[in-house]
Amino acid sequence: MAKMTVLSFILILVLVLSIENMGVVGDGCCTDYHRGPCEHGKDDAAPDGSCFKFCTTQQFCRDALCKNNNVCHCAC
């Protein structure tokens, strides 16, 4: 019985910790950043676009998109 209680406690602890980590990882994900002028097709193009570089290196996202001429949208 004691083994079952310890195992249950460990599983609950792991679940709680993993839920908290999901929020931390997802904070910067799929977010708009107002970074100044952003030209669609140029600044969001891989690998040299400024918006693309910002999203993939500083925000750890997989892709970028320039929106409304001054908004860099980082996608997870």
PDB file of N, CA and C in Angstrom:
ATOM      1  N   MET A   1       0.828  -1.198   0.000  1.00  0.00           N
ATOM      2  CA  MET A   1       0.000   0.000   0.000  1.00  0.00           C
ATOM      3  C   MET A   1       0.870   1.259   0.000  1.00  0.00           C
ATOM      4  N   ALA A   2       1.963   1.215   0.754  1.00  0.00           N
ATOM      5  CA  ALA A   2       2.849   2.378   0.824  1.00  0.00           C
ATOM      6  C   ALA A   2       3.500   2.653  -0.527  1.00  0.00           C
ATOM      7  N   LYS A   3       3.849   1.590  -1.260  1.00  0.00           N
ATOM      8  CA  LYS A   3       4.451   1.766  -2.587  1.00  0.00           C
ATOM      9  C   LYS A   3       3.478   2.462  -3.533  1.00  0.00           C
ATOM     10  N   MET A   4       2.210   2.083  -3.438  1.00  0.00           N
ATOM     11  CA  MET A   4       1.193   2.678  -4.305  1.00  0.00           C
ATOM     12  C   MET A   4       1.009   4.157  -3.982  1.00  0.00           C
ATOM     13  N   THR A   5       1.048   4.520  -2.728  1.00  0.00           N
ATOM     14  CA  THR A   5       0.908   5.912  -2.317  1.00  0.00           C
ATOM     15  C   THR A   5       2.087   6.744  -2.812  1.00  0.00           C
ATOM     16  N   VAL A   6       3.283   6.218  -2.666  1.00  0.00           N
ATOM     17  CA  VAL A   6       4.479   6.925  -3.121  1.00  0.00           C
ATOM     18  C   VAL A   6       4.447   7.088  -4.636  1.00  0.00           C
ATOM     19  N   LEU A   7       4.081   6.037  -5.347  1.00  0.00           N
ATOM     20  CA  LEU A   7       3.997   6.095  -6.804  1.00  0.00           C
ATOM     21  C   LEU A   7       2.953   7.118  -7.256  1.00  0.00           C
ATOM     22  N   SER A   8       1.809   7.133  -6.610  1.00  0.00           N
ATOM     23  CA  SER A   8       0.762   8.105  -6.943  1.00  0.00           C
ATOM     24  C   SER A   8       1.240   9.532  -6.702  1.00  0.00           C
ATOM     25  N   PHE A   9       1.911   9.743  -5.586  1.00  0.00           N
ATOM     26  CA  PHE A   9       2.435  11.071  -5.271  1.00  0.00           C
ATOM     27  C   PHE A   9       3.443  11.525  -6.321  1.00  0.00           C
ATOM     28  N   ILE A  10       4.333  10.639  -6.724  1.00  0.00           N
ATOM     29  CA  ILE A  10       5.343  10.982  -7.734  1.00  0.00           C
ATOM     30  C   ILE A  10       4.687  11.306  -9.072  1.00  0.00           C
ATOM     31  N   LEU A  11       3.706  10.537  -9.481  1.00  0.00           N
ATOM     32  CA  LEU A  11       3.008  10.803 -10.746  1.00  0.00           C
ATOM     33  C   LEU A  11       2.289  12.149 -10.727  1.00  0.00           C
ATOM     34  N   ILE A  12       1.635  12.461  -9.627  1.00  0.00           N
ATOM     35  CA  ILE A  12       0.949  13.752  -9.508  1.00  0.00           C
ATOM     36  C   ILE A  12       1.957  14.889  -9.538  1.00  0.00           C
ATOM     37  N   LEU A  13       3.071  14.726  -8.862  1.00  0.00           N
ATOM     38  CA  LEU A  13       4.118  15.746  -8.855  1.00  0.00           C
ATOM     39  C   LEU A  13       4.667  15.981 -10.265  1.00  0.00           C
ATOM     40  N   VAL A  14       4.912  14.917 -10.998  1.00  0.00           N
ATOM     41  CA  VAL A  14       5.409  15.038 -12.374  1.00  0.00           C
ATOM     42  C   VAL A  14       4.389  15.760 -13.253  1.00  0.00           C
ATOM     43  N   LEU A  15       3.129  15.443 -13.114  1.00  0.00           N
ATOM     44  CA  LEU A  15       2.087  16.111 -13.900  1.00  0.00           C
ATOM     45  C   LEU A  15       2.018  17.602 -13.593  1.00  0.00           C
ATOM     46  N   VAL A  16       2.060  17.954 -12.332  1.00  0.00           N
ATOM     47  CA  VAL A  16       1.997  19.365 -11.942  1.00  0.00           C
ATOM     48  C   VAL A  16       3.198  20.130 -12.486  1.00  0.00           C
ATOM     49  N   LEU A  17       4.379  19.556 -12.360  1.00  0.00           N
ATOM     50  CA  LEU A  17       5.580  20.230 -12.857  1.00  0.00           C
ATOM     51  C   LEU A  17       5.571  20.362 -14.374  1.00  0.00           C
ATOM     52  N   SER A  18       5.070  19.372 -15.077  1.00  0.00           N
ATOM     53  CA  SER A  18       5.036  19.459 -16.537  1.00  0.00           C
ATOM     54  C   SER A  18       4.014  20.488 -17.007  1.00  0.00           C
ATOM     55  N   ILE A  19       2.921  20.645 -16.298  1.00  0.00           N
ATOM     56  CA  ILE A  19       1.927  21.660 -16.661  1.00  0.00           C
ATOM     57  C   ILE A  19       2.515  23.053 -16.487  1.00  0.00           C
ATOM     58  N   GLU A  20       3.257  23.286 -15.415  1.00  0.00           N
ATOM     59  CA  GLU A  20       3.882  24.589 -15.196  1.00  0.00           C
ATOM     60  C   GLU A  20       4.903  24.892 -16.278  1.00  0.00           C
ATOM     61  N   ASN A  21       5.664  23.913 -16.713  1.00  0.00           N
ATOM     62  CA  ASN A  21       6.667  24.117 -17.754  1.00  0.00           C
ATOM     63  C   ASN A  21       6.038  24.412 -19.103  1.00  0.00           C
ATOM     64  N   MET A  22       4.874  23.864 -19.379  1.00  0.00           N
ATOM     65  CA  MET A  22       4.202  24.131 -20.651  1.00  0.00           C
ATOM     66  C   MET A  22       3.886  25.615 -20.782  1.00  0.00           C
ATOM     67  N   GLY A  23       3.473  26.237 -19.711  1.00  0.00           N
ATOM     68  CA  GLY A  23       3.175  27.661 -19.744  1.00  0.00           C
ATOM     69  C   GLY A  23       4.404  28.500 -19.985  1.00  0.00           C
ATOM     70  N   VAL A  24       5.514  28.131 -19.405  1.00  0.00           N
ATOM     71  CA  VAL A  24       6.754  28.881 -19.569  1.00  0.00           C
ATOM     72  C   VAL A  24       7.240  28.798 -21.000  1.00  0.00           C
ATOM     73  N   VAL A  25       7.193  27.634 -21.594  1.00  0.00           N
ATOM     74  CA  VAL A  25       7.660  27.455 -22.964  1.00  0.00           C
ATOM     75  C   VAL A  25       6.763  28.201 -23.936  1.00  0.00           C
ATOM     76  N   GLY A  26       5.468  28.223 -23.682  1.00  0.00           N
ATOM     77  CA  GLY A  26       4.544  28.833 -24.616  1.00  0.00           C
ATOM     78  C   GLY A  26       4.378  30.330 -24.486  1.00  0.00           C
ATOM     79  N   ASP A  27       5.045  30.993 -23.538  1.00  0.00           N
ATOM     80  CA  ASP A  27       4.853  32.418 -23.322  1.00  0.00           C
ATOM     81  C   ASP A  27       5.195  33.265 -24.537  1.00  0.00           C
ATOM     82  N   GLY A  28       6.312  33.029 -25.183  1.00  0.00           N
ATOM     83  CA  GLY A  28       6.727  33.847 -26.312  1.00  0.00           C
ATOM     84  C   GLY A  28       6.263  33.314 -27.644  1.00  0.00           C
ATOM     85  N   CYS A  29       5.485  32.298 -27.634  1.00  0.00           N
ATOM     86  CA  CYS A  29       5.101  31.595 -28.844  1.00  0.00           C
ATOM     87  C   CYS A  29       3.893  32.251 -29.521  1.00  0.00           C
ATOM     88  N   CYS A  30       3.931  32.315 -30.838  1.00  0.00           N
ATOM     89  CA  CYS A  30       2.823  32.854 -31.625  1.00  0.00           C
ATOM     90  C   CYS A  30       2.403  34.230 -31.110  1.00  0.00           C
ATOM     91  N   THR A  31       3.330  35.142 -31.111  1.00  0.00           N
ATOM     92  CA  THR A  31       3.112  36.472 -30.565  1.00  0.00           C
ATOM     93  C   THR A  31       3.537  37.528 -31.569  1.00  0.00           C
ATOM     94  N   ASP A  32       2.862  38.680 -31.525  1.00  0.00           N
ATOM     95  CA  ASP A  32       3.226  39.816 -32.371  1.00  0.00           C
ATOM     96  C   ASP A  32       4.219  40.708 -31.636  1.00  0.00           C
ATOM     97  N   TYR A  33       5.266  41.117 -32.349  1.00  0.00           N
ATOM     98  CA  TYR A  33       6.266  42.018 -31.793  1.00  0.00           C
ATOM     99  C   TYR A  33       6.342  43.257 -32.666  1.00  0.00           C
ATOM    100  N   HIS A  34       6.173  44.432 -32.072  1.00  0.00           N
ATOM    101  CA  HIS A  34       6.293  45.698 -32.794  1.00  0.00           C
ATOM    102  C   HIS A  34       7.767  46.073 -32.809  1.00  0.00           C
ATOM    103  N   ARG A  35       8.429  45.811 -33.927  1.00  0.00           N
ATOM    104  CA  ARG A  35       9.875  45.987 -34.010  1.00  0.00           C
ATOM    105  C   ARG A  35      10.276  47.040 -35.027  1.00  0.00           C
ATOM    106  N   GLY A  36       9.381  47.850 -35.488  1.00  0.00           N
ATOM    107  CA  GLY A  36       9.723  48.829 -36.514  1.00  0.00           C
ATOM    108  C   GLY A  36       9.340  48.314 -37.890  1.00  0.00           C
ATOM    109  N   PRO A  37       9.846  48.953 -38.939  1.00  0.00           N
ATOM    110  CA  PRO A  37       9.463  48.570 -40.300  1.00  0.00           C
ATOM    111  C   PRO A  37       9.745  47.093 -40.587  1.00  0.00           C
ATOM    112  N   CYS A  38       8.775  46.458 -41.205  1.00  0.00           N
ATOM    113  CA  CYS A  38       8.888  45.041 -41.547  1.00  0.00           C
ATOM    114  C   CYS A  38       8.237  44.847 -42.913  1.00  0.00           C
ATOM    115  N   GLU A  39       9.008  44.450 -43.891  1.00  0.00           N
ATOM    116  CA  GLU A  39       8.506  44.285 -45.257  1.00  0.00           C
ATOM    117  C   GLU A  39       8.187  42.815 -45.521  1.00  0.00           C
ATOM    118  N   HIS A  40       6.918  42.556 -45.854  1.00  0.00           N
ATOM    119  CA  HIS A  40       6.473  41.188 -46.125  1.00  0.00           C
ATOM    120  C   HIS A  40       7.221  40.623 -47.331  1.00  0.00           C
ATOM    121  N   GLY A  41       7.719  39.406 -47.195  1.00  0.00           N
ATOM    122  CA  GLY A  41       8.455  38.762 -48.269  1.00  0.00           C
ATOM    123  C   GLY A  41       9.948  39.020 -48.229  1.00  0.00           C
ATOM    124  N   LYS A  42      10.359  40.032 -47.474  1.00  0.00           N
ATOM    125  CA  LYS A  42      11.789  40.337 -47.358  1.00  0.00           C
ATOM    126  C   LYS A  42      12.280  40.060 -45.936  1.00  0.00           C
ATOM    127  N   ASP A  43      11.686  40.732 -44.962  1.00  0.00           N
ATOM    128  CA  ASP A  43      12.133  40.599 -43.572  1.00  0.00           C
ATOM    129  C   ASP A  43      11.677  39.297 -42.913  1.00  0.00           C
ATOM    130  N   ASP A  44      10.662  38.642 -43.490  1.00  0.00           N
ATOM    131  CA  ASP A  44      10.217  37.376 -42.907  1.00  0.00           C
ATOM    132  C   ASP A  44      10.770  36.164 -43.658  1.00  0.00           C
ATOM    133  N   ALA A  45      11.602  36.409 -44.671  1.00  0.00           N
ATOM    134  CA  ALA A  45      12.164  35.315 -45.460  1.00  0.00           C
ATOM    135  C   ALA A  45      13.373  34.691 -44.761  1.00  0.00           C
ATOM    136  N   ALA A  46      13.440  33.368 -44.839  1.00  0.00           N
ATOM    137  CA  ALA A  46      14.599  32.655 -44.272  1.00  0.00           C
ATOM    138  C   ALA A  46      15.737  32.702 -45.269  1.00  0.00           C
ATOM    139  N   PRO A  47      16.961  32.734 -44.899  1.00  0.00           N
ATOM    140  CA  PRO A  47      17.496  32.806 -43.539  1.00  0.00           C
ATOM    141  C   PRO A  47      17.935  34.205 -43.148  1.00  0.00           C
ATOM    142  N   ASP A  48      17.810  35.196 -44.070  1.00  0.00           N
ATOM    143  CA  ASP A  48      18.415  36.510 -43.835  1.00  0.00           C
ATOM    144  C   ASP A  48      17.460  37.597 -43.352  1.00  0.00           C
ATOM    145  N   GLY A  49      16.173  37.351 -43.329  1.00  0.00           N
ATOM    146  CA  GLY A  49      15.229  38.379 -42.920  1.00  0.00           C
ATOM    147  C   GLY A  49      15.360  38.736 -41.451  1.00  0.00           C
ATOM    148  N   SER A  50      15.260  40.022 -41.138  1.00  0.00           N
ATOM    149  CA  SER A  50      15.449  40.461 -39.746  1.00  0.00           C
ATOM    150  C   SER A  50      14.369  39.898 -38.822  1.00  0.00           C
ATOM    151  N   CYS A  51      13.140  39.858 -39.300  1.00  0.00           N
ATOM    152  CA  CYS A  51      12.048  39.301 -38.497  1.00  0.00           C
ATOM    153  C   CYS A  51      12.258  37.796 -38.289  1.00  0.00           C
ATOM    154  N   PHE A  52      12.664  37.110 -39.344  1.00  0.00           N
ATOM    155  CA  PHE A  52      12.916  35.671 -39.246  1.00  0.00           C
ATOM    156  C   PHE A  52      14.043  35.380 -38.263  1.00  0.00           C
ATOM    157  N   LYS A  53      15.126  36.143 -38.354  1.00  0.00           N
ATOM    158  CA  LYS A  53      16.255  35.944 -37.436  1.00  0.00           C
ATOM    159  C   LYS A  53      15.830  36.177 -35.988  1.00  0.00           C
ATOM    160  N   PHE A  54      15.054  37.242 -35.761  1.00  0.00           N
ATOM    161  CA  PHE A  54      14.591  37.564 -34.410  1.00  0.00           C
ATOM    162  C   PHE A  54      13.749  36.424 -33.836  1.00  0.00           C
ATOM    163  N   CYS A  55      12.796  35.947 -34.620  1.00  0.00           N
ATOM    164  CA  CYS A  55      11.887  34.909 -34.119  1.00  0.00           C
ATOM    165  C   CYS A  55      12.589  33.579 -33.881  1.00  0.00           C
ATOM    166  N   THR A  56      13.470  33.199 -34.784  1.00  0.00           N
ATOM    167  CA  THR A  56      14.092  31.879 -34.657  1.00  0.00           C
ATOM    168  C   THR A  56      15.244  31.852 -33.661  1.00  0.00           C
ATOM    169  N   THR A  57      15.933  32.963 -33.466  1.00  0.00           N
ATOM    170  CA  THR A  57      17.074  32.944 -32.543  1.00  0.00           C
ATOM    171  C   THR A  57      16.715  33.459 -31.155  1.00  0.00           C
ATOM    172  N   GLN A  58      15.971  34.557 -31.063  1.00  0.00           N
ATOM    173  CA  GLN A  58      15.682  35.143 -29.755  1.00  0.00           C
ATOM    174  C   GLN A  58      14.407  34.603 -29.126  1.00  0.00           C
ATOM    175  N   GLN A  59      13.444  34.193 -29.927  1.00  0.00           N
ATOM    176  CA  GLN A  59      12.173  33.712 -29.389  1.00  0.00           C
ATOM    177  C   GLN A  59      12.022  32.197 -29.509  1.00  0.00           C
ATOM    178  N   PHE A  60      12.956  31.533 -30.159  1.00  0.00           N
ATOM    179  CA  PHE A  60      12.965  30.081 -30.317  1.00  0.00           C
ATOM    180  C   PHE A  60      11.703  29.553 -30.999  1.00  0.00           C
ATOM    181  N   CYS A  61      11.237  30.292 -31.989  1.00  0.00           N
ATOM    182  CA  CYS A  61      10.088  29.862 -32.779  1.00  0.00           C
ATOM    183  C   CYS A  61      10.584  29.277 -34.097  1.00  0.00           C
ATOM    184  N   ARG A  62       9.676  28.679 -34.851  1.00  0.00           N
ATOM    185  CA  ARG A  62      10.086  28.011 -36.083  1.00  0.00           C
ATOM    186  C   ARG A  62       9.908  28.868 -37.324  1.00  0.00           C
ATOM    187  N   ASP A  63       9.118  29.927 -37.250  1.00  0.00           N
ATOM    188  CA  ASP A  63       8.831  30.714 -38.444  1.00  0.00           C
ATOM    189  C   ASP A  63       8.453  32.140 -38.055  1.00  0.00           C
ATOM    190  N   ALA A  64       8.420  33.017 -39.067  1.00  0.00           N
ATOM    191  CA  ALA A  64       8.079  34.422 -38.844  1.00  0.00           C
ATOM    192  C   ALA A  64       7.244  34.935 -40.005  1.00  0.00           C
ATOM    193  N   LEU A  65       6.457  35.978 -39.740  1.00  0.00           N
ATOM    194  CA  LEU A  65       5.620  36.595 -40.756  1.00  0.00           C
ATOM    195  C   LEU A  65       5.508  38.084 -40.452  1.00  0.00           C
ATOM    196  N   CYS A  66       5.734  38.928 -41.454  1.00  0.00           N
ATOM    197  CA  CYS A  66       5.561  40.373 -41.281  1.00  0.00           C
ATOM    198  C   CYS A  66       4.096  40.715 -41.506  1.00  0.00           C
ATOM    199  N   LYS A  67       3.508  41.419 -40.550  1.00  0.00           N
ATOM    200  CA  LYS A  67       2.106  41.815 -40.642  1.00  0.00           C
ATOM    201  C   LYS A  67       1.987  43.327 -40.480  1.00  0.00           C
ATOM    202  N   ASN A  68       1.129  43.946 -41.231  1.00  0.00           N
ATOM    203  CA  ASN A  68       0.799  45.371 -41.103  1.00  0.00           C
ATOM    204  C   ASN A  68       2.012  46.291 -41.173  1.00  0.00           C
ATOM    205  N   ASN A  69       3.033  45.907 -41.893  1.00  0.00           N
ATOM    206  CA  ASN A  69       4.227  46.714 -42.159  1.00  0.00           C
ATOM    207  C   ASN A  69       5.113  47.023 -40.959  1.00  0.00           C
ATOM    208  N   ASN A  70       4.689  46.745 -39.742  1.00  0.00           N
ATOM    209  CA  ASN A  70       5.576  47.005 -38.603  1.00  0.00           C
ATOM    210  C   ASN A  70       5.428  45.981 -37.484  1.00  0.00           C
ATOM    211  N   VAL A  71       4.785  44.872 -37.778  1.00  0.00           N
ATOM    212  CA  VAL A  71       4.570  43.850 -36.763  1.00  0.00           C
ATOM    213  C   VAL A  71       5.202  42.540 -37.219  1.00  0.00           C
ATOM    214  N   CYS A  72       6.078  42.031 -36.396  1.00  0.00           N
ATOM    215  CA  CYS A  72       6.727  40.748 -36.664  1.00  0.00           C
ATOM    216  C   CYS A  72       5.973  39.682 -35.865  1.00  0.00           C
ATOM    217  N   HIS A  73       5.351  38.736 -36.560  1.00  0.00           N
ATOM    218  CA  HIS A  73       4.587  37.678 -35.900  1.00  0.00           C
ATOM    219  C   HIS A  73       5.422  36.409 -35.877  1.00  0.00           C
ATOM    220  N   CYS A  74       5.762  35.943 -34.676  1.00  0.00           N
ATOM    221  CA  CYS A  74       6.549  34.719 -34.514  1.00  0.00           C
ATOM    222  C   CYS A  74       5.598  33.539 -34.331  1.00  0.00           C
ATOM    223  N   ALA A  75       5.805  32.485 -35.114  1.00  0.00           N
ATOM    224  CA  ALA A  75       4.954  31.297 -35.058  1.00  0.00           C
ATOM    225  C   ALA A  75       5.718  30.122 -34.468  1.00  0.00           C
ATOM    226  N   CYS A  76       5.022  29.344 -33.667  1.00  0.00           N
ATOM    227  CA  CYS A  76       5.649  28.192 -33.002  1.00  0.00           C
ATOM    228  C   CYS A  76       5.851  27.045 -33.964  1.00  0.00           C
TER     229      CYS A  76
END
